[in-house]
Protein backbone atom coordinates (compact mmCIF):
# COMPACT_ATOMS: atom_id res chain seq x y z
CA MET A 1 0.75 21.68 44.61
CA ALA A 2 4.09 20.64 43.11
CA LYS A 3 6.19 18.21 44.98
CA ILE A 4 9.87 17.36 44.88
CA VAL A 5 9.94 13.42 44.67
CA LEU A 6 13.56 12.98 43.86
CA GLY A 7 17.00 14.12 44.08
CA LEU A 8 20.15 13.23 42.47
CA ALA A 9 23.73 14.26 42.54
CA THR A 10 26.20 13.47 39.82
CA SER A 11 29.99 14.29 39.17
CA HIS A 12 30.61 15.40 35.71
CA GLY A 13 34.35 15.60 35.10
CA PRO A 14 36.14 14.61 31.83
CA LEU A 15 37.40 11.31 33.34
CA LEU A 16 33.74 10.12 33.33
CA SER A 17 33.58 10.21 29.54
CA ALA A 18 37.26 9.75 28.36
CA PRO A 19 38.93 6.40 28.08
CA PRO A 20 41.21 5.64 31.04
CA GLU A 21 44.10 5.37 28.65
CA GLN A 22 43.67 9.10 27.82
CA TRP A 23 43.39 10.45 31.44
CA GLY A 24 47.06 11.35 31.39
CA GLU A 25 46.23 13.95 29.02
CA ARG A 26 44.25 15.99 31.63
CA ALA A 27 47.47 15.76 33.70
CA LYS A 28 49.14 17.90 31.23
CA ALA A 29 46.82 20.74 32.31
CA ASP A 30 47.42 19.91 35.91
CA ARG A 31 51.00 20.45 35.42
CA ALA A 32 50.44 23.83 33.79
CA ASN A 33 48.00 24.92 36.74
CA LYS A 34 49.61 27.52 39.00
CA ALA A 35 46.90 27.19 41.66
CA LEU A 36 46.17 23.67 42.83
CA TRP A 37 43.96 23.91 45.68
CA TYR A 38 44.57 21.23 48.28
CA HIS A 39 43.53 21.20 52.00
CA GLY A 40 42.54 24.84 51.75
CA ALA A 41 45.84 26.27 50.37
CA ILE A 42 47.42 26.73 46.86
CA HIS A 43 50.32 24.24 46.07
CA GLY A 44 52.53 23.86 43.07
CA PHE A 45 52.28 20.46 41.13
CA ASP A 46 55.96 19.30 42.14
CA ALA A 47 55.07 20.20 45.79
CA LEU A 48 52.19 18.24 45.90
CA GLU A 49 53.97 15.07 44.61
CA ALA A 50 56.52 15.34 47.49
CA MET A 51 53.53 16.29 49.95
CA ARG A 52 51.80 13.03 49.07
CA ALA A 53 54.63 10.75 48.43
CA ASP A 54 53.14 8.12 51.07
CA GLU A 55 49.60 7.81 49.63
CA ASP A 56 50.26 5.02 47.29
CA LEU A 57 49.60 7.13 44.16
CA PRO A 58 51.70 5.10 41.76
CA HIS A 59 49.11 2.17 42.40
CA LYS A 60 46.09 4.39 42.40
CA SER A 61 46.69 6.22 39.25
CA SER A 62 47.97 3.04 37.38
CA LEU A 63 46.28 2.19 34.12
CA GLU A 64 44.57 -1.04 35.85
CA GLU A 65 43.35 0.92 38.71
CA ARG A 66 41.95 3.71 36.32
CA GLN A 67 40.17 1.10 34.17
CA ALA A 68 38.71 -0.52 37.29
CA ARG A 69 37.52 2.80 38.90
CA TYR A 70 36.43 4.03 35.48
CA ALA A 71 33.84 0.94 34.97
CA ARG A 72 32.68 1.63 38.69
CA CYS A 73 31.68 5.20 37.56
CA ARG A 74 29.99 3.99 34.38
CA ARG A 75 27.87 1.57 36.56
CA ALA A 76 26.88 4.37 38.89
CA LEU A 77 25.98 6.43 36.20
CA ASP A 78 23.76 3.69 34.72
CA THR A 79 22.26 3.24 38.16
CA LEU A 80 21.32 7.07 38.35
CA ALA A 81 19.81 6.90 34.77
CA ALA A 82 17.61 4.06 35.84
CA MET A 83 16.42 5.65 39.27
CA PHE A 84 15.50 8.75 36.95
CA GLU A 85 13.63 6.77 34.64
CA GLN A 86 11.74 4.88 37.51
CA ALA A 87 10.80 7.94 39.11
CA ARG A 88 9.31 9.46 35.98
CA PRO A 89 9.13 13.22 37.26
CA ASP A 90 6.94 15.93 35.33
CA ALA A 91 9.93 18.65 35.66
CA VAL A 92 13.40 18.67 36.75
CA VAL A 93 15.46 21.43 38.25
CA ILE A 94 19.34 20.94 37.22
CA VAL A 95 21.76 22.97 39.87
CA GLY A 96 25.06 23.38 38.20
CA ASN A 97 27.82 26.01 37.43
CA ASP A 98 29.08 27.85 34.29
CA GLN A 99 33.01 27.70 33.69
CA GLN A 100 32.95 30.69 31.34
CA GLU A 101 30.91 28.60 28.62
CA VAL A 102 28.15 30.92 28.34
CA PHE A 103 28.96 33.79 30.81
CA GLY A 104 32.25 35.68 30.79
CA PHE A 105 33.95 38.15 33.17
CA GLY A 106 31.68 41.05 31.65
CA ASN A 107 28.76 39.46 33.20
CA MET A 108 29.13 36.79 35.97
CA PRO A 109 25.88 36.57 37.89
CA ALA A 110 26.19 34.82 41.36
CA PHE A 111 22.79 33.10 40.80
CA ALA A 112 21.05 32.80 37.32
CA ILE A 113 17.70 31.01 36.25
CA TYR A 114 17.05 30.26 32.79
CA HIS A 115 13.19 30.52 31.83
CA GLY A 116 13.37 30.10 28.00
CA GLU A 117 11.00 27.54 26.36
CA SER A 118 14.02 25.31 25.39
CA VAL A 119 17.87 25.10 25.01
CA VAL A 120 19.96 23.73 22.18
CA ASN A 121 23.25 21.96 22.45
CA ARG A 122 25.32 21.49 19.41
CA PRO A 123 28.45 19.61 18.59
CA PRO A 124 31.80 21.46 18.51
CA SER A 125 33.31 22.40 15.16
CA GLU A 126 36.69 21.03 14.29
CA GLN A 127 38.25 24.44 15.20
CA GLN A 128 36.68 24.41 18.75
CA MET A 129 37.86 20.85 19.16
CA ALA A 130 41.55 21.82 18.33
CA GLN A 131 41.29 24.81 20.91
CA MET A 132 40.25 22.72 23.76
CA PRO A 133 42.34 22.46 26.84
CA PRO A 134 44.44 19.02 27.04
CA GLY A 135 42.12 16.01 27.54
CA VAL A 136 38.92 17.79 27.11
CA ALA A 137 38.38 16.80 23.46
CA ALA A 138 38.36 13.28 24.27
CA SER A 139 35.37 13.58 26.72
CA VAL A 140 33.41 16.31 24.93
CA PHE A 141 30.74 14.18 23.56
CA GLY A 142 29.86 13.02 27.08
CA HIS A 143 28.05 16.47 27.24
CA ARG A 144 27.74 17.80 23.88
CA PRO A 145 25.74 15.68 21.27
CA HIS A 146 27.05 14.54 17.92
CA SER A 147 24.02 16.52 16.25
CA GLU A 148 22.20 19.45 17.21
CA ILE A 149 19.33 18.70 20.14
CA ARG A 150 16.96 21.24 21.40
CA TYR A 151 15.61 20.30 24.88
CA PRO A 152 12.51 21.51 26.30
CA CYS A 153 12.38 23.68 29.36
CA ALA A 154 9.81 24.37 32.05
CA ALA A 155 9.42 28.06 31.38
CA ASP A 156 6.09 28.94 33.27
CA LEU A 157 7.69 27.05 36.43
CA ALA A 158 11.07 28.91 35.88
CA LYS A 159 9.36 32.10 35.86
CA HIS A 160 7.48 31.22 39.11
CA VAL A 161 10.68 30.16 40.90
CA ILE A 162 12.29 33.57 39.82
CA GLY A 163 9.56 35.47 41.35
CA HIS A 164 9.56 33.48 44.48
CA MET A 165 13.33 33.72 44.82
CA VAL A 166 13.26 37.43 44.47
CA ALA A 167 10.73 37.81 46.91
CA ALA A 168 12.93 35.63 49.38
CA GLU A 169 15.59 38.29 48.79
CA PHE A 170 17.88 36.30 46.44
CA ASP A 171 18.69 38.68 43.64
CA VAL A 172 18.73 36.11 40.82
CA ALA A 173 19.69 36.85 37.26
CA GLN A 174 17.11 35.81 34.57
CA SER A 175 17.57 34.79 30.95
CA ASN A 176 15.44 33.33 28.25
CA ALA A 177 18.33 33.28 25.78
CA LEU A 178 21.68 31.96 26.90
CA PRO A 179 24.57 34.42 26.45
CA GLN A 180 27.60 33.43 24.25
CA ASP A 181 30.05 35.43 26.10
CA GLY A 182 32.23 32.57 27.19
CA GLU A 183 35.32 30.98 25.78
CA GLY A 184 35.34 30.51 22.01
CA TRP A 185 35.91 26.88 22.24
CA SER A 186 32.86 26.29 24.17
CA ARG A 187 30.27 28.45 22.52
CA GLY A 188 27.20 26.93 20.84
CA GLY A 189 26.91 24.29 23.48
CA LEU A 190 25.28 24.16 26.88
CA PRO A 191 27.52 24.52 30.00
CA HIS A 192 28.98 21.03 30.54
CA ALA A 193 27.28 20.62 33.93
CA PHE A 194 23.78 20.74 32.25
CA GLY A 195 24.88 19.00 29.04
CA PHE A 196 26.20 16.22 31.06
CA VAL A 197 22.92 15.56 33.02
CA LEU A 198 20.85 15.77 29.89
CA ARG A 199 22.99 13.20 28.21
CA GLN A 200 24.13 10.80 30.64
CA ILE A 201 21.33 10.94 33.37
CA MET A 202 18.15 11.58 31.15
CA GLN A 203 19.80 9.91 28.28
CA ASP A 204 18.84 12.78 25.70
CA ARG A 205 15.01 12.09 26.43
CA PRO A 206 14.57 14.96 29.09
CA VAL A 207 11.40 15.97 30.60
CA PRO A 208 10.99 19.81 30.95
CA HIS A 209 13.65 21.22 33.06
CA ILE A 210 14.85 24.56 34.71
CA PRO A 211 18.68 25.45 34.36
CA VAL A 212 19.91 27.01 37.70
CA LEU A 213 23.41 28.32 37.65
CA ILE A 214 25.34 29.18 40.66
CA ASN A 215 28.79 30.95 40.28
CA THR A 216 30.88 28.54 42.26
CA PHE A 217 34.27 29.10 40.46
CA TYR A 218 35.07 32.72 39.99
CA PRO A 219 35.77 35.41 42.80
CA PRO A 220 34.83 37.97 44.04
CA ASN A 221 30.91 37.08 43.80
CA GLN A 222 30.81 33.56 44.73
CA PRO A 223 27.91 32.59 47.04
CA THR A 224 29.03 31.14 50.45
CA ALA A 225 28.37 27.72 51.35
CA ARG A 226 25.84 28.86 53.85
CA ARG A 227 24.22 31.00 51.27
CA CYS A 228 23.85 28.28 48.77
CA TYR A 229 22.26 26.04 51.47
CA ARG A 230 19.52 28.67 52.06
CA PHE A 231 19.13 29.39 48.35
CA GLY A 232 18.32 25.59 48.15
CA SER A 233 15.76 25.72 50.74
CA SER A 234 14.20 28.63 49.28
CA LEU A 235 14.16 26.79 45.91
CA ALA A 236 12.23 24.12 47.54
CA ASP A 237 9.65 26.41 48.82
CA ALA A 238 9.41 27.97 45.40
CA VAL A 239 8.51 24.52 43.89
CA ALA A 240 6.06 23.77 46.56
CA SER A 241 4.25 27.13 46.18
CA TRP A 242 3.54 26.40 42.49
CA PRO A 243 -0.13 25.61 42.23
CA GLU A 244 -0.37 22.71 39.85
CA ASP A 245 0.26 18.91 40.68
CA LEU A 246 3.80 18.20 39.50
CA ARG A 247 6.18 15.81 40.35
CA VAL A 248 9.64 17.48 40.41
CA ALA A 249 13.21 16.10 40.51
CA VAL A 250 16.32 18.36 41.68
CA ILE A 251 19.74 17.20 40.25
CA ALA A 252 22.99 18.56 41.30
CA SER A 253 25.92 18.33 38.66
CA GLY A 254 29.47 18.73 39.60
CA GLY A 255 31.89 17.69 42.22
CA LEU A 256 33.57 16.18 44.19
CA SER A 257 37.20 17.20 45.02
CA HIS A 258 39.03 18.16 42.04
CA PHE A 259 41.63 19.14 40.45
CA VAL A 260 43.44 17.55 43.31
CA VAL A 261 41.55 14.73 44.95
CA ASP A 262 41.10 15.16 48.74
CA GLU A 263 39.53 12.18 50.10
CA ASP A 264 39.19 13.39 53.65
CA LEU A 265 37.24 16.39 52.57
CA ASP A 266 34.92 14.23 50.63
CA GLU A 267 34.18 11.72 53.37
CA ARG A 268 33.45 14.64 55.65
CA PHE A 269 31.22 16.39 53.11
CA LEU A 270 29.29 13.06 52.30
CA ALA A 271 28.76 12.22 55.89
CA ALA A 272 27.34 15.84 56.47
CA LEU A 273 24.95 15.13 53.57
CA ARG A 274 23.83 11.67 54.89
CA SER A 275 23.09 13.16 58.37
CA GLY A 276 21.35 16.17 56.68
CA ASP A 277 23.86 18.49 59.10
CA ALA A 278 22.78 22.15 57.70
CA ASP A 279 25.59 23.57 60.03
CA ALA A 280 28.23 21.19 58.74
CA LEU A 281 27.37 22.04 55.04
CA GLY A 282 27.02 25.51 55.44
CA GLY A 283 29.99 25.93 57.50
CA ILE A 284 32.73 24.51 55.19
CA PRO A 285 35.35 27.18 55.08
CA GLU A 286 35.59 29.04 51.75
CA ALA A 287 39.28 28.01 51.32
CA PHE A 288 38.13 24.28 50.98
CA LEU A 289 35.51 25.36 48.38
CA GLN A 290 37.79 26.91 45.71
CA SER A 291 38.47 25.74 42.07
CA GLY A 292 36.88 22.47 41.36
CA ASN A 293 35.92 21.80 44.92
CA SER A 294 33.49 24.76 44.47
CA GLU A 295 31.11 22.42 42.70
CA MET A 296 30.08 21.08 45.88
CA LYS A 297 27.83 24.15 46.51
CA ASN A 298 25.62 22.83 43.80
CA TRP A 299 25.28 19.58 45.84
CA ILE A 300 24.75 21.63 48.86
CA ALA A 301 21.84 23.76 47.27
CA THR A 302 20.37 20.40 46.30
CA ALA A 303 20.75 18.81 49.30
CA ALA A 304 18.89 21.75 51.19
CA ALA A 305 16.06 21.69 48.65
CA VAL A 306 15.45 17.72 48.88
CA GLN A 307 15.83 17.83 52.65
CA ARG A 308 13.28 20.40 52.97
CA ALA A 309 11.09 18.24 50.80
CA GLY A 310 11.78 15.42 53.47
CA LEU A 311 13.94 13.12 51.23
CA ARG A 312 16.83 11.17 52.76
CA MET A 313 20.17 10.58 51.17
CA GLU A 314 21.63 7.31 49.74
CA LEU A 315 25.20 6.84 48.49
CA VAL A 316 25.27 5.21 45.21
CA ASP A 317 29.08 5.20 44.98
CA TYR A 318 32.10 7.07 45.75
CA VAL A 319 35.23 6.74 43.36
CA PRO A 320 38.21 8.87 43.65
CA CYS A 321 39.89 8.89 40.25
CA TYR A 322 43.56 9.75 40.07
CA ARG A 323 45.48 10.75 36.98
CA SER A 324 48.84 11.50 38.22
CA LEU A 325 51.56 11.01 40.99
CA THR A 326 50.61 14.33 42.45
CA GLY A 327 47.20 13.15 43.30
CA THR A 328 45.62 15.18 40.76
CA GLY A 329 42.29 13.90 39.16
CA ASN A 330 38.53 13.95 40.12
CA ALA A 331 36.70 12.25 43.06
CA MET A 332 33.47 11.15 41.64
CA GLY A 333 30.40 11.03 43.56
CA PHE A 334 26.78 9.63 42.82
CA VAL A 335 23.87 10.16 45.33
CA ARG A 336 20.18 9.79 45.33
CA TRP A 337 17.94 11.16 47.99
CA HIS A 338 14.22 9.64 47.87
């Protein structure tokens, strides 16, 4: 029987791979964003700056503070990579989302599981680099390689998981070839949620893995937090029903609060993870899980899977990274279940 022996969760935002001196480039995109979600509602850039004037954001977003927080994040990533290497699992389930990198609005499944023999990640072309949103080009090699890499997948285990999930009444999409329906500047690579884990945590030396994609970002078919928790529990059952002896890791990619940092939300979320409170995790209102915050659903599904396997959470670090006086940025979280 297969057994889940390790859980990890990591943020994957551009600020983890871009020099702190260049974080302001991403703030250009924040200023142009007409839908900045904070405390469960949409706000404009200038309105947020006025709302958060008493939060010492000039200090929190200063270059010195950016550099210190970036260094903490890199140490946390090194720690997760070492934990993964020490655990030496036989297979890995990566739970992430796609931001119109492979799927487009012509086909946007709520849940999808890839069951091909391998996936390919490629460097972007010069034309693609020029088309990327502000600040993304500076971080792109954090999740895409400098030369083409083919990563092995756990195809047979993936097909078994798909069958189990359908029997459990989750209508998952299945694919053995990743679509190329996303934005032109992202085609040819993996969704960054998966490329980041393969490059940063598995150090481009991956064991066979299964990409599990949840549509956290795009209405109207986003699964709710409670649905994601139930999905993760069923995912654990699917792994446990595999007849061969395998040691399996489950890794969540994404989060925490962004594109506006919300430390209160993050603290409540991490406390629920720590206590294993299924009702608290599943009961987070959908208005608080929109835009970048929605990637917490990848963590919710992973938490459900590893909790069902009897693992307990350990916080490696939590680092809110600010890039503007408005409080935009990405709160970075790094967690292990063991």
